[in-house]
Amino acid sequence: MTTMTTIPAHDLYARCISASQRVRWDIDRDVIRGRSFDRADKYLPDGLSFAADFTSLSEPERRFLSQVQGRTYANAFGLVERFINAKVLELSRDHWFGDQIALEALVRFSDEELKHQALFRRIELLIGEAMPAGYRFDFDPDAVAGAVLGKSTWSVLALTLHIELFTQAHYLESIRDGQGISPLFKDVFLHHWKEECQHATLDELEWRRCDAGLSPAERDRAVDDFIDLVEAVDGILRAQAAADAGYFVGCCGRTVARDEARAIENGLLRAYRWQFILSGARHPHFGKVLSSLTTETQRHRVQAALATLA
């Protein structure tokens, strides 16, 4: 069977360049195309929003909650791509005077991540025009990136591959064929998916290359760093679930009792943990790569940390 470990790395970098050239797209020409968001549409599909769990809400209220979640979903990608791009640029230095194909692949990766950040800034503005005032997403991308990049490269690449893999799974399993979803929202994540596919390959290549240079003790510390990063992501999700619940309650057009508001916040946190942590951690390929780079004891530490979020 042909796998990443049996194909020369040089050839895999070259394949990523070819894919990048083939799927290249433009924000205005190919994605937005002069369109805006319609409040009659859902933004995030039920499989990601966990709409069925919000049993106290009417169908229009669930649609509004999907729009709140979709806005946060898009903003979260803009947030994480800041640190991903910085790490990719840092890694490219290792190839400056070596494999120029690898260097080109990473430079293209960086260029695409910058474009994705610009896309999600545009999407926030467009969704903001359609939705009531008062929404908040109060995380400084530079501060978050600085904190993430303070951890080991091994752990940052583990988190990055996890993100790139769940991005693809969400589009293919939920967004692409989601019923009643905004056509513009679908197109945003169609084009995002097209470039994330080769990004995941590059993440794995660089993660394996980094891992090959570590001692067992360094790798063990890196596993702890990865757990720290997952817990930090969960902290962001907790804060945003509270903010989004407050926004929804304030804008849904009726009085919401305290217990129901708390249930909505808890439901949002469950959905966000699935979207941004558990769906990636449980991705079969992520598990396969992690297993190939860690000991059983190290994997148990990761699994124990994830179990507290499930």
Protein backbone atom coordinates (compact mmCIF):
# COMPACT_ATOMS: atom_id res chain seq x y z
CA MET A 1 0.00 0.00 0.00
CA THR A 2 1.25 3.50 -0.86
CA THR A 3 1.42 5.77 2.18
CA MET A 4 3.10 9.01 3.13
CA THR A 5 5.92 7.05 4.76
CA THR A 6 6.66 5.16 1.52
CA ILE A 7 6.60 8.13 -0.89
CA PRO A 8 9.74 10.33 -0.91
CA ALA A 9 9.09 13.61 0.90
CA HIS A 10 10.36 15.58 -2.11
CA ASP A 11 7.62 14.03 -4.26
CA LEU A 12 4.93 14.83 -1.70
CA TYR A 13 6.00 18.47 -1.53
CA ALA A 14 5.84 18.55 -5.34
CA ARG A 15 2.33 17.10 -5.31
CA CYS A 16 1.23 19.85 -2.94
CA ILE A 17 2.56 22.48 -5.33
CA SER A 18 0.65 20.89 -8.20
CA ALA A 19 -2.55 20.81 -6.14
CA SER A 20 -2.07 24.44 -5.11
CA GLN A 21 -1.71 25.50 -8.72
CA ARG A 22 -4.75 23.50 -9.81
CA VAL A 23 -7.26 24.78 -7.21
CA ARG A 24 -6.09 28.39 -6.89
CA TRP A 25 -9.03 30.74 -6.29
CA ASP A 26 -9.80 34.43 -5.75
CA ILE A 27 -11.94 35.78 -2.90
CA ASP A 28 -14.15 38.10 -4.96
CA ARG A 29 -14.19 36.33 -8.31
CA ASP A 30 -14.76 32.79 -7.06
CA VAL A 31 -16.20 32.96 -3.55
CA ILE A 32 -18.17 36.09 -2.70
CA ARG A 33 -19.21 37.04 -6.25
CA GLY A 34 -21.10 40.12 -5.06
CA ARG A 35 -23.38 38.14 -2.76
CA SER A 36 -24.52 38.76 0.81
CA PHE A 37 -25.85 36.61 3.64
CA ASP A 38 -29.58 35.95 3.92
CA ARG A 39 -31.16 35.58 7.37
CA ALA A 40 -33.62 33.08 5.86
CA ASP A 41 -30.76 30.56 5.57
CA LYS A 42 -28.94 28.48 8.11
CA TYR A 43 -25.22 29.14 8.18
CA LEU A 44 -23.95 26.06 10.02
CA PRO A 45 -25.54 22.64 9.32
CA ASP A 46 -27.36 20.70 12.00
CA GLY A 47 -24.61 18.06 12.19
CA LEU A 48 -22.17 20.70 13.43
CA SER A 49 -24.53 23.04 15.30
CA PHE A 50 -26.13 20.18 17.27
CA ALA A 51 -29.47 21.83 16.52
CA ALA A 52 -31.47 18.83 17.76
CA ASP A 53 -30.05 19.30 21.27
CA PHE A 54 -31.69 22.72 21.65
CA THR A 55 -35.12 21.30 22.39
CA SER A 56 -36.56 24.48 23.92
CA LEU A 57 -36.05 26.49 20.73
CA SER A 58 -38.46 26.97 17.86
CA GLU A 59 -37.31 26.26 14.31
CA PRO A 60 -36.68 29.98 13.55
CA GLU A 61 -34.72 30.25 16.80
CA ARG A 62 -32.59 27.24 15.85
CA ARG A 63 -31.93 28.87 12.50
CA PHE A 64 -30.80 32.05 14.26
CA LEU A 65 -28.58 30.01 16.57
CA SER A 66 -27.03 28.33 13.50
CA GLN A 67 -26.21 31.79 12.21
CA VAL A 68 -24.55 32.75 15.49
CA GLN A 69 -22.56 29.53 15.44
CA GLY A 70 -21.64 29.96 11.78
CA ARG A 71 -20.30 33.42 12.49
CA THR A 72 -18.17 32.09 15.33
CA TYR A 73 -17.07 29.11 13.21
CA ALA A 74 -15.74 31.43 10.51
CA ASN A 75 -14.09 33.76 13.02
CA ALA A 76 -12.37 30.85 14.75
CA PHE A 77 -10.67 29.86 11.49
CA GLY A 78 -9.45 33.40 11.01
CA LEU A 79 -8.04 33.22 14.54
CA VAL A 80 -6.13 29.94 14.24
CA GLU A 81 -4.76 30.70 10.80
CA ARG A 82 -2.71 33.53 12.29
CA PHE A 83 -0.51 31.12 14.27
CA ILE A 84 -0.55 28.49 11.53
CA ASN A 85 0.86 30.94 9.03
CA ALA A 86 3.53 32.17 11.44
CA LYS A 87 4.64 28.59 12.11
CA VAL A 88 4.72 27.74 8.41
CA LEU A 89 6.94 30.75 7.71
CA GLU A 90 9.23 29.72 10.57
CA LEU A 91 9.49 26.16 9.21
CA SER A 92 10.26 27.40 5.71
CA ARG A 93 13.61 28.67 7.00
CA ASP A 94 14.77 25.05 7.33
CA HIS A 95 14.44 24.69 3.55
CA TRP A 96 16.04 27.98 2.46
CA PHE A 97 19.29 26.36 1.43
CA GLY A 98 17.98 22.87 0.78
CA ASP A 99 15.01 21.42 -1.09
CA GLN A 100 13.54 24.32 -3.05
CA ILE A 101 10.45 22.31 -3.89
CA ALA A 102 9.71 21.96 -0.18
CA LEU A 103 10.35 25.68 0.22
CA GLU A 104 7.92 26.56 -2.57
CA ALA A 105 5.26 24.29 -1.11
CA LEU A 106 5.49 26.03 2.28
CA VAL A 107 5.57 29.51 0.73
CA ARG A 108 2.40 28.65 -1.17
CA PHE A 109 0.89 27.32 2.07
CA SER A 110 1.67 30.65 3.75
CA ASP A 111 0.23 32.66 0.88
CA GLU A 112 -2.99 30.65 1.02
CA GLU A 113 -3.29 31.07 4.78
CA LEU A 114 -2.95 34.83 4.40
CA LYS A 115 -5.72 34.72 1.80
CA HIS A 116 -7.90 32.65 4.15
CA GLN A 117 -7.46 35.22 6.91
CA ALA A 118 -8.54 37.95 4.49
CA LEU A 119 -11.53 35.85 3.43
CA PHE A 120 -12.73 35.35 7.01
CA ARG A 121 -12.36 39.07 7.76
CA ARG A 122 -14.62 39.74 4.78
CA ILE A 123 -17.11 37.11 5.92
CA GLU A 124 -17.30 38.66 9.39
CA LEU A 125 -18.16 42.01 7.82
CA LEU A 126 -20.82 40.48 5.56
CA ILE A 127 -22.44 38.45 8.35
CA GLY A 128 -22.29 41.53 10.60
CA GLU A 129 -24.36 43.44 8.03
CA ALA A 130 -27.07 40.76 8.15
CA MET A 131 -27.29 40.09 11.88
CA PRO A 132 -28.31 42.20 14.91
CA ALA A 133 -25.70 44.32 16.65
CA GLY A 134 -24.04 43.09 19.82
CA TYR A 135 -22.10 40.01 18.70
CA ARG A 136 -18.61 39.71 20.21
CA PHE A 137 -15.52 37.68 19.34
CA ASP A 138 -12.96 39.26 21.62
CA PHE A 139 -9.77 37.32 20.96
CA ASP A 140 -6.65 39.08 19.68
CA PRO A 141 -5.21 36.87 16.90
CA ASP A 142 -1.68 38.13 17.56
CA ALA A 143 -1.89 37.44 21.29
CA VAL A 144 -3.30 33.96 20.69
CA ALA A 145 -0.62 33.25 18.09
CA GLY A 146 2.09 34.43 20.45
CA ALA A 147 0.86 32.11 23.19
CA VAL A 148 0.57 29.12 20.85
CA LEU A 149 3.99 29.68 19.32
CA GLY A 150 5.50 29.69 22.80
CA LYS A 151 4.93 25.92 22.79
CA SER A 152 7.11 23.34 21.05
CA THR A 153 6.97 23.06 17.26
CA TRP A 154 5.94 19.39 17.60
CA SER A 155 2.85 20.34 19.60
CA VAL A 156 1.90 23.22 17.29
CA LEU A 157 2.13 20.94 14.27
CA ALA A 158 0.03 18.32 16.04
CA LEU A 159 -2.66 20.94 16.72
CA THR A 160 -2.41 22.24 13.15
CA LEU A 161 -2.85 18.83 11.53
CA HIS A 162 -5.79 18.20 13.85
CA ILE A 163 -7.39 21.47 12.62
CA GLU A 164 -6.72 20.83 8.93
CA LEU A 165 -8.22 17.35 9.15
CA PHE A 166 -11.42 18.35 10.91
CA THR A 167 -11.83 21.22 8.44
CA GLN A 168 -11.99 18.72 5.61
CA ALA A 169 -14.27 16.33 7.48
CA HIS A 170 -16.73 19.09 8.39
CA TYR A 171 -17.06 20.21 4.79
CA LEU A 172 -17.41 16.74 3.29
CA GLU A 173 -19.66 15.25 5.97
CA SER A 174 -21.87 18.20 6.90
CA ILE A 175 -21.51 21.46 5.01
CA ARG A 176 -21.37 20.27 1.38
CA ASP A 177 -24.76 18.56 1.40
CA GLY A 178 -26.35 20.44 4.30
CA GLN A 179 -30.00 21.29 3.74
CA GLY A 180 -31.09 24.93 3.89
CA ILE A 181 -27.52 26.21 4.26
CA SER A 182 -26.54 29.62 2.89
CA PRO A 183 -25.07 29.15 -0.61
CA LEU A 184 -22.43 31.75 0.21
CA PHE A 185 -21.47 29.98 3.43
CA LYS A 186 -21.16 26.71 1.50
CA ASP A 187 -18.93 28.33 -1.09
CA VAL A 188 -16.67 29.84 1.56
CA PHE A 189 -15.95 26.41 2.98
CA LEU A 190 -15.82 24.69 -0.41
CA HIS A 191 -12.93 26.91 -1.44
CA HIS A 192 -11.35 26.75 1.99
CA TRP A 193 -11.50 22.93 1.79
CA LYS A 194 -9.85 22.89 -1.62
CA GLU A 195 -6.65 24.39 -0.21
CA GLU A 196 -6.75 22.74 3.20
CA CYS A 197 -6.36 19.32 1.55
CA GLN A 198 -2.74 19.94 0.56
CA HIS A 199 -2.10 21.85 3.78
CA ALA A 200 -2.83 18.70 5.80
CA THR A 201 -0.20 16.82 3.78
CA LEU A 202 2.36 19.54 4.48
CA ASP A 203 1.46 19.57 8.18
CA GLU A 204 2.13 15.86 8.42
CA LEU A 205 5.38 16.09 6.47
CA GLU A 206 6.69 18.83 8.72
CA TRP A 207 5.43 17.14 11.90
CA ARG A 208 7.24 13.93 10.99
CA ARG A 209 10.38 15.87 10.06
CA CYS A 210 10.28 17.69 13.40
CA ASP A 211 9.64 14.48 15.31
CA ALA A 212 12.67 12.79 13.74
CA GLY A 213 14.95 15.33 15.44
CA LEU A 214 13.59 14.95 18.97
CA SER A 215 14.93 12.93 21.86
CA PRO A 216 12.43 10.80 23.83
CA ALA A 217 12.46 13.35 26.64
CA GLU A 218 11.81 16.25 24.24
CA ARG A 219 8.94 14.35 22.65
CA ASP A 220 7.45 13.62 26.05
CA ARG A 221 7.47 17.33 26.91
CA ALA A 222 5.95 18.07 23.51
CA VAL A 223 3.03 15.77 24.26
CA ASP A 224 2.37 17.80 27.41
CA ASP A 225 2.55 20.97 25.30
CA PHE A 226 -0.08 19.55 22.95
CA ILE A 227 -2.37 18.82 25.90
CA ASP A 228 -1.80 22.39 27.14
CA LEU A 229 -2.78 23.73 23.71
CA VAL A 230 -5.97 21.68 23.63
CA GLU A 231 -6.88 22.99 27.08
CA ALA A 232 -6.19 26.55 25.90
CA VAL A 233 -8.49 26.02 22.91
CA ASP A 234 -11.15 24.80 25.32
CA GLY A 235 -10.76 27.98 27.33
CA ILE A 236 -11.47 30.02 24.21
CA LEU A 237 -14.50 27.88 23.43
CA ARG A 238 -15.87 28.30 26.96
CA ALA A 239 -15.62 32.07 26.73
CA GLN A 240 -17.17 32.20 23.27
CA ALA A 241 -20.02 29.85 24.21
CA ALA A 242 -20.91 32.24 27.05
CA ALA A 243 -20.68 35.27 24.75
CA ASP A 244 -22.76 33.63 22.02
CA ALA A 245 -25.41 32.46 24.47
CA GLY A 246 -25.71 35.99 25.83
CA TYR A 247 -25.98 37.42 22.32
CA PHE A 248 -28.62 34.88 21.31
CA VAL A 249 -30.70 35.47 24.45
CA GLY A 250 -30.53 39.23 23.92
CA CYS A 251 -31.54 39.07 20.27
CA CYS A 252 -33.97 36.14 19.95
CA GLY A 253 -37.03 38.31 20.52
CA ARG A 254 -38.44 36.76 23.70
CA THR A 255 -37.69 36.46 27.39
CA VAL A 256 -35.42 33.51 28.15
CA ALA A 257 -35.41 32.14 31.69
CA ARG A 258 -32.10 31.68 33.49
CA ASP A 259 -32.20 27.88 33.35
CA GLU A 260 -32.90 27.88 29.63
CA ALA A 261 -30.12 30.41 29.02
CA ARG A 262 -27.72 28.16 30.94
CA ALA A 263 -28.84 25.16 28.87
CA ILE A 264 -28.24 27.11 25.66
CA GLU A 265 -24.73 28.03 26.80
CA ASN A 266 -23.99 24.42 27.72
CA GLY A 267 -25.33 23.26 24.35
CA LEU A 268 -23.14 25.73 22.54
CA LEU A 269 -20.09 24.56 24.47
CA ARG A 270 -20.85 20.93 23.56
CA ALA A 271 -21.17 21.89 19.91
CA TYR A 272 -17.98 23.98 19.92
CA ARG A 273 -15.99 21.27 21.65
CA TRP A 274 -17.10 18.83 18.97
CA GLN A 275 -16.36 21.25 16.15
CA PHE A 276 -12.92 22.42 17.27
CA ILE A 277 -11.49 19.65 19.46
CA LEU A 278 -13.18 16.26 19.48
CA SER A 279 -13.96 15.87 15.76
CA GLY A 280 -10.26 16.41 15.00
CA ALA A 281 -8.93 14.34 17.87
CA ARG A 282 -11.14 11.44 16.78
CA HIS A 283 -10.28 11.73 13.09
CA PRO A 284 -8.88 8.34 12.02
CA HIS A 285 -5.88 9.80 10.24
CA PHE A 286 -4.95 12.03 13.15
CA GLY A 287 -5.08 9.02 15.42
CA LYS A 288 -2.92 7.04 13.02
CA VAL A 289 -0.23 9.72 12.80
CA LEU A 290 -0.26 10.40 16.54
CA SER A 291 0.06 6.67 17.24
CA SER A 292 3.06 6.43 14.93
CA LEU A 293 4.88 9.21 16.79
CA THR A 294 4.06 8.50 20.44
CA THR A 295 4.20 5.76 23.03
CA GLU A 296 1.13 4.09 24.50
CA THR A 297 1.65 5.96 27.77
CA GLN A 298 1.80 9.30 25.96
CA ARG A 299 -1.37 8.52 24.02
CA HIS A 300 -3.15 7.64 27.24
CA ARG A 301 -2.24 11.11 28.61
CA VAL A 302 -3.77 12.73 25.53
CA GLN A 303 -6.87 10.54 25.73
CA ALA A 304 -7.34 11.30 29.43
CA ALA A 305 -7.24 15.03 28.73
CA LEU A 306 -9.77 14.70 25.90
CA ALA A 307 -12.06 12.53 28.02
CA THR A 308 -12.72 15.47 30.34
CA LEU A 309 -14.19 17.40 27.37
CA ALA A 310 -16.34 14.66 25.85
